Amino acid sequence: MQIADTLRHPRLTFAPRWANLPAILLHLTKIAAVFATPLGVGLVVALLGLLLAWRGWRRLGHSCILVALLGLWAAAMPLTARLALGALEAAYPALPPGQSPAADVAIVLGGAVRGALPPRPGPDLAEASDRVLYAAELFRAGKVAKVVVTGGNLPWENASRPEAEVIASLLQSWGVPASRIVSLGSSRTTAENAAEVKAAWPSLGASSALLVTSAAHMPRALATFRSAGLPVTPAATDVRIVRQPTNLLDVLPSADALLQTSDAAKEAIGYFVYWLRGDI
């Protein structure tokens, strides 16, 4: 193509670049989220300390390294995890299916199943797969007439089917007829979940819905769906923090506790970001 042709048809040159902008922004969001977790913050502070010590500011550098180590220890304590994640989960307590309020449909959010990627022979049930089982139990208990599943694949995933289709298959194996399942497989974030359901809402013939997601995710998800104008009632599941006596092990670092504290931090930051963007 000649230079003159490029000038006359700029969209031919620049459109392919900007077509990937949503995926690029999603990548950047995931990367930024890593550095917002206790582990990410601790690594940044520790690296800063090493840099300061190397540049001659040894006392300040060593102080930064100590703060990073103490901060990671505190974040990795089960006691901290219970306080942080437990506060989110307590906002909307989970109920047995028989005690749940009734609604026209249940809306199940994705992030519950990992794709059938090699060497897996089939899909993998993530920790949040409680959402799928709970939706099936709500249907079998007569609390909803339909189940709406929303969730696509992230750009860096190579799954052959959207997550919503995989969840729909699981629902069928757990007693929900295919005719009672609506699969929406284009959205990748909570905000996109809400937008996708809102677009499909007129065709559902529903006036009420139970929002099924993890207890820790419920505050952000519920606020997002209600901000979109959807009449949803919380139906929390996947409760990770249980009541148990405090003991000496609760102040010792644990990888599981660090993950739980990190998830709580991500939810808190995600809520704030959604508020800034106007999604809540």
Protein backbone atom coordinates (compact mmCIF):
# COMPACT_ATOMS: atom_id res chain seq x y z
CA MET A 1 0.00 0.00 0.00
CA GLN A 2 1.32 3.42 -0.97
CA ILE A 3 1.70 6.24 1.53
CA ALA A 4 -1.05 8.18 -0.20
CA ASP A 5 -3.41 5.22 0.12
CA THR A 6 -2.62 4.97 3.82
CA LEU A 7 -3.46 8.63 4.33
CA ARG A 8 -6.71 8.27 2.43
CA HIS A 9 -7.68 5.12 4.35
CA PRO A 10 -6.36 5.61 7.91
CA ARG A 11 -8.86 3.13 9.34
CA LEU A 12 -7.19 0.33 7.39
CA THR A 13 -3.96 1.11 9.22
CA PHE A 14 -5.11 1.86 12.74
CA ALA A 15 -8.34 -0.10 13.24
CA PRO A 16 -6.63 -3.49 13.80
CA ARG A 17 -4.52 -1.98 16.57
CA TRP A 18 -7.46 -0.47 18.45
CA ALA A 19 -9.62 -3.55 17.94
CA ASN A 20 -7.60 -5.29 20.66
CA LEU A 21 -7.90 -2.40 23.11
CA PRO A 22 -10.51 -4.08 25.41
CA ALA A 23 -8.32 -7.18 25.72
CA ILE A 24 -5.24 -5.05 26.38
CA LEU A 25 -7.05 -3.10 29.09
CA LEU A 26 -8.21 -6.37 30.67
CA HIS A 27 -4.62 -7.63 30.72
CA LEU A 28 -3.44 -4.39 32.32
CA THR A 29 -6.21 -4.60 34.91
CA LYS A 30 -5.16 -8.12 35.89
CA ILE A 31 -1.51 -7.08 36.10
CA ALA A 32 -2.36 -4.04 38.24
CA ALA A 33 -4.45 -6.25 40.52
CA VAL A 34 -1.39 -8.39 41.27
CA PHE A 35 0.48 -5.39 42.63
CA ALA A 36 -2.51 -4.40 44.74
CA THR A 37 -2.36 -7.64 46.74
CA PRO A 38 -0.33 -8.02 49.95
CA LEU A 39 2.24 -10.13 48.09
CA GLY A 40 2.58 -7.56 45.29
CA VAL A 41 2.87 -4.64 47.70
CA GLY A 42 5.37 -6.55 49.83
CA LEU A 43 7.56 -7.36 46.83
CA VAL A 44 7.52 -3.75 45.64
CA VAL A 45 8.47 -2.45 49.10
CA ALA A 46 11.19 -5.09 49.45
CA LEU A 47 12.65 -4.24 46.02
CA LEU A 48 12.56 -0.57 46.95
CA GLY A 49 14.46 -1.42 50.10
CA LEU A 50 17.11 -3.29 48.15
CA LEU A 51 17.46 -0.37 45.75
CA LEU A 52 17.80 2.13 48.59
CA ALA A 53 20.40 -0.04 50.33
CA TRP A 54 22.34 -0.40 47.07
CA ARG A 55 22.30 3.37 46.58
CA GLY A 56 23.78 3.91 50.03
CA TRP A 57 20.60 4.47 52.06
CA ARG A 58 21.18 1.28 54.01
CA ARG A 59 19.20 2.09 57.14
CA LEU A 60 16.15 3.20 55.18
CA GLY A 61 16.52 0.28 52.78
CA HIS A 62 16.74 -2.27 55.56
CA SER A 63 13.69 -0.68 57.21
CA CYS A 64 11.70 -1.10 54.00
CA ILE A 65 12.69 -4.76 53.76
CA LEU A 66 11.68 -5.33 57.38
CA VAL A 67 8.33 -3.63 56.83
CA ALA A 68 7.73 -5.78 53.74
CA LEU A 69 8.47 -9.00 55.62
CA LEU A 70 6.33 -8.04 58.62
CA GLY A 71 3.50 -6.96 56.33
CA LEU A 72 3.57 -10.24 54.43
CA TRP A 73 3.62 -12.18 57.70
CA ALA A 74 0.60 -10.24 58.96
CA ALA A 75 -1.30 -10.71 55.68
CA ALA A 76 -0.52 -14.45 55.69
CA MET A 77 -1.91 -15.03 59.19
CA PRO A 78 -5.19 -17.00 59.29
CA LEU A 79 -6.39 -14.50 61.90
CA THR A 80 -6.01 -11.64 59.38
CA ALA A 81 -7.68 -13.66 56.63
CA ARG A 82 -10.67 -14.42 58.84
CA LEU A 83 -11.09 -10.76 59.73
CA ALA A 84 -10.69 -9.46 56.16
CA LEU A 85 -12.59 -12.06 54.12
CA GLY A 86 -15.03 -12.78 56.91
CA ALA A 87 -16.18 -9.15 56.96
CA LEU A 88 -17.10 -9.36 53.27
CA GLU A 89 -18.88 -12.69 53.63
CA ALA A 90 -20.87 -11.55 56.66
CA ALA A 91 -22.58 -8.78 54.67
CA TYR A 92 -24.89 -11.28 52.93
CA PRO A 93 -25.08 -14.57 54.87
CA ALA A 94 -25.62 -17.78 52.93
CA LEU A 95 -28.90 -19.64 53.42
CA PRO A 96 -29.86 -23.28 52.82
CA PRO A 97 -31.73 -23.59 49.49
CA GLY A 98 -35.01 -24.34 51.27
CA GLN A 99 -34.80 -21.08 53.24
CA SER A 100 -33.95 -18.88 50.25
CA PRO A 101 -36.57 -16.44 48.98
CA ALA A 102 -38.21 -17.35 45.69
CA ALA A 103 -37.73 -15.51 42.38
CA ASP A 104 -38.43 -16.00 38.69
CA VAL A 105 -34.83 -16.79 37.77
CA ALA A 106 -31.43 -17.43 39.33
CA ILE A 107 -28.45 -15.62 37.81
CA VAL A 108 -25.20 -17.56 38.21
CA LEU A 109 -21.98 -15.61 37.69
CA GLY A 110 -18.94 -17.14 36.02
CA GLY A 111 -15.52 -17.67 37.54
CA ALA A 112 -16.63 -21.04 38.87
CA VAL A 113 -15.25 -23.50 36.32
CA ARG A 114 -11.92 -23.78 34.52
CA GLY A 115 -11.87 -25.01 30.94
CA ALA A 116 -10.97 -28.47 29.68
CA LEU A 117 -7.42 -27.55 28.73
CA PRO A 118 -4.61 -30.13 28.36
CA PRO A 119 -3.76 -32.19 30.31
CA ARG A 120 -7.25 -32.01 31.87
CA PRO A 121 -9.62 -34.56 30.35
CA GLY A 122 -12.58 -32.35 31.30
CA PRO A 123 -13.49 -29.07 32.98
CA ASP A 124 -12.09 -28.37 36.44
CA LEU A 125 -14.36 -27.25 39.26
CA ALA A 126 -12.81 -24.21 40.91
CA GLU A 127 -13.42 -23.32 44.54
CA ALA A 128 -16.27 -21.04 43.46
CA SER A 129 -18.07 -23.93 41.74
CA ASP A 130 -20.37 -23.94 44.78
CA ARG A 131 -22.26 -21.31 42.78
CA VAL A 132 -23.28 -23.88 40.18
CA LEU A 133 -24.34 -26.50 42.71
CA TYR A 134 -26.30 -23.93 44.73
CA ALA A 135 -28.17 -22.75 41.63
CA ALA A 136 -29.13 -26.34 40.85
CA GLU A 137 -30.32 -26.81 44.44
CA LEU A 138 -32.40 -23.63 44.23
CA PHE A 139 -34.06 -24.94 41.08
CA ARG A 140 -34.73 -28.37 42.57
CA ALA A 141 -36.17 -26.70 45.70
CA GLY A 142 -38.67 -24.84 43.50
CA LYS A 143 -37.24 -21.42 44.31
CA VAL A 144 -36.67 -20.44 40.65
CA ALA A 145 -38.16 -21.46 37.31
CA LYS A 146 -35.07 -20.74 35.20
CA VAL A 147 -31.31 -20.45 35.65
CA VAL A 148 -29.40 -17.77 33.75
CA VAL A 149 -25.68 -18.44 33.41
CA THR A 150 -23.30 -15.65 32.47
CA GLY A 151 -19.55 -15.90 31.86
CA GLY A 152 -17.20 -15.96 28.91
CA ASN A 153 -13.52 -16.76 28.58
CA LEU A 154 -10.68 -14.38 29.32
CA PRO A 155 -8.47 -13.34 26.35
CA TRP A 156 -5.50 -15.42 27.50
CA GLU A 157 -7.54 -18.60 27.87
CA ASN A 158 -7.71 -21.17 25.08
CA ALA A 159 -10.91 -22.92 26.14
CA SER A 160 -12.99 -24.23 23.26
CA ARG A 161 -16.31 -23.25 24.89
CA PRO A 162 -17.42 -20.21 26.92
CA GLU A 163 -17.57 -20.90 30.63
CA ALA A 164 -21.34 -20.32 30.59
CA GLU A 165 -21.79 -23.35 28.33
CA VAL A 166 -19.67 -25.52 30.61
CA ILE A 167 -21.70 -24.40 33.63
CA ALA A 168 -24.92 -25.10 31.71
CA SER A 169 -23.73 -28.68 31.11
CA LEU A 170 -23.03 -29.12 34.82
CA LEU A 171 -26.47 -27.77 35.71
CA GLN A 172 -28.07 -30.33 33.40
CA SER A 173 -26.12 -33.15 35.04
CA TRP A 174 -27.36 -31.88 38.42
CA GLY A 175 -31.01 -31.95 37.48
CA VAL A 176 -31.80 -28.70 35.66
CA PRO A 177 -33.44 -29.31 32.25
CA ALA A 178 -31.75 -27.65 29.27
CA SER A 179 -35.02 -25.87 28.46
CA ARG A 180 -34.78 -24.04 31.81
CA ILE A 181 -31.23 -22.78 31.29
CA VAL A 182 -30.29 -19.54 29.54
CA SER A 183 -26.59 -19.33 28.65
CA LEU A 184 -24.94 -15.93 28.13
CA GLY A 185 -21.28 -16.44 27.29
CA SER A 186 -19.82 -13.12 26.17
CA SER A 187 -19.00 -11.29 29.41
CA ARG A 188 -15.68 -11.48 31.24
CA THR A 189 -16.07 -9.20 34.26
CA THR A 190 -18.75 -8.52 36.85
CA ALA A 191 -19.70 -5.26 35.12
CA GLU A 192 -19.97 -7.06 31.79
CA ASN A 193 -22.05 -9.80 33.47
CA ALA A 194 -24.56 -7.18 34.57
CA ALA A 195 -24.64 -5.51 31.16
CA GLU A 196 -25.14 -8.85 29.38
CA VAL A 197 -27.99 -9.88 31.68
CA LYS A 198 -29.63 -6.47 31.36
CA ALA A 199 -29.57 -6.75 27.56
CA ALA A 200 -31.21 -10.20 27.76
CA TRP A 201 -33.65 -9.30 30.54
CA PRO A 202 -36.68 -8.40 28.34
CA SER A 203 -36.52 -11.82 26.66
CA LEU A 204 -36.43 -13.69 29.98
CA GLY A 205 -39.98 -12.78 30.96
CA ALA A 206 -38.87 -12.32 34.56
CA SER A 207 -39.60 -9.68 37.17
CA SER A 208 -37.26 -10.91 39.91
CA ALA A 209 -33.98 -12.77 40.23
CA LEU A 210 -31.69 -14.40 42.74
CA LEU A 211 -28.07 -13.39 42.23
CA VAL A 212 -25.89 -16.44 42.89
CA THR A 213 -22.21 -15.80 43.52
CA SER A 214 -19.56 -16.27 46.19
CA ALA A 215 -20.28 -14.63 49.53
CA ALA A 216 -17.13 -12.47 49.39
CA HIS A 217 -17.97 -11.33 45.85
CA MET A 218 -21.61 -10.55 46.66
CA PRO A 219 -21.22 -6.92 47.88
CA ARG A 220 -19.62 -5.80 44.60
CA ALA A 221 -21.76 -8.01 42.38
CA LEU A 222 -25.04 -7.03 44.03
CA ALA A 223 -24.22 -3.31 43.87
CA THR A 224 -23.23 -3.64 40.20
CA PHE A 225 -26.41 -5.47 39.16
CA ARG A 226 -28.67 -3.14 41.10
CA SER A 227 -26.88 -0.13 39.61
CA ALA A 228 -27.71 -1.61 36.19
CA GLY A 229 -31.38 -1.55 37.18
CA LEU A 230 -31.82 -5.30 37.65
CA PRO A 231 -34.19 -6.50 40.44
CA VAL A 232 -31.84 -8.97 42.12
CA THR A 233 -31.86 -10.49 45.59
CA PRO A 234 -28.61 -11.89 47.04
CA ALA A 235 -28.21 -15.66 47.16
CA ALA A 236 -24.70 -16.07 48.51
CA THR A 237 -22.72 -19.30 48.54
CA ASP A 238 -19.08 -20.46 48.56
CA VAL A 239 -18.47 -19.35 52.16
CA ARG A 240 -14.77 -19.80 52.90
CA ILE A 241 -14.48 -18.48 56.46
CA VAL A 242 -15.92 -20.75 59.14
CA ARG A 243 -16.28 -20.20 62.87
CA GLN A 244 -13.57 -21.87 64.91
CA PRO A 245 -11.66 -21.15 68.13
CA THR A 246 -8.55 -18.99 67.82
CA ASN A 247 -5.27 -20.79 68.50
CA LEU A 248 -1.52 -20.30 68.13
CA LEU A 249 -1.56 -21.44 64.49
CA ASP A 250 -3.72 -18.43 63.61
CA VAL A 251 -0.72 -16.11 63.90
CA LEU A 252 1.63 -18.29 61.86
CA PRO A 253 1.91 -17.59 58.11
CA SER A 254 -0.11 -19.77 55.76
CA ALA A 255 -0.31 -19.79 51.96
CA ASP A 256 -4.07 -20.37 52.09
CA ALA A 257 -4.51 -17.44 54.46
CA LEU A 258 -2.44 -15.18 52.21
CA LEU A 259 -4.69 -16.13 49.28
CA GLN A 260 -7.80 -15.32 51.30
CA THR A 261 -6.42 -11.97 52.45
CA SER A 262 -5.43 -11.20 48.85
CA ASP A 263 -8.93 -12.04 47.61
CA ALA A 264 -10.41 -9.72 50.22
CA ALA A 265 -8.05 -6.94 49.11
CA LYS A 266 -8.99 -7.48 45.45
CA GLU A 267 -12.68 -7.27 46.26
CA ALA A 268 -12.24 -4.08 48.28
CA ILE A 269 -10.16 -2.46 45.54
CA GLY A 270 -12.54 -3.75 42.86
CA TYR A 271 -15.49 -2.18 44.65
CA PHE A 272 -13.66 1.15 44.83
CA VAL A 273 -12.70 1.01 41.13
CA TYR A 274 -16.27 0.16 40.13
CA TRP A 275 -17.48 3.10 42.21
CA LEU A 276 -15.01 5.42 40.47
CA ARG A 277 -16.14 4.19 37.04
CA GLY A 278 -19.81 4.59 37.90
CA ASP A 279 -20.60 0.87 37.73
CA ILE A 280 -21.83 1.03 41.33
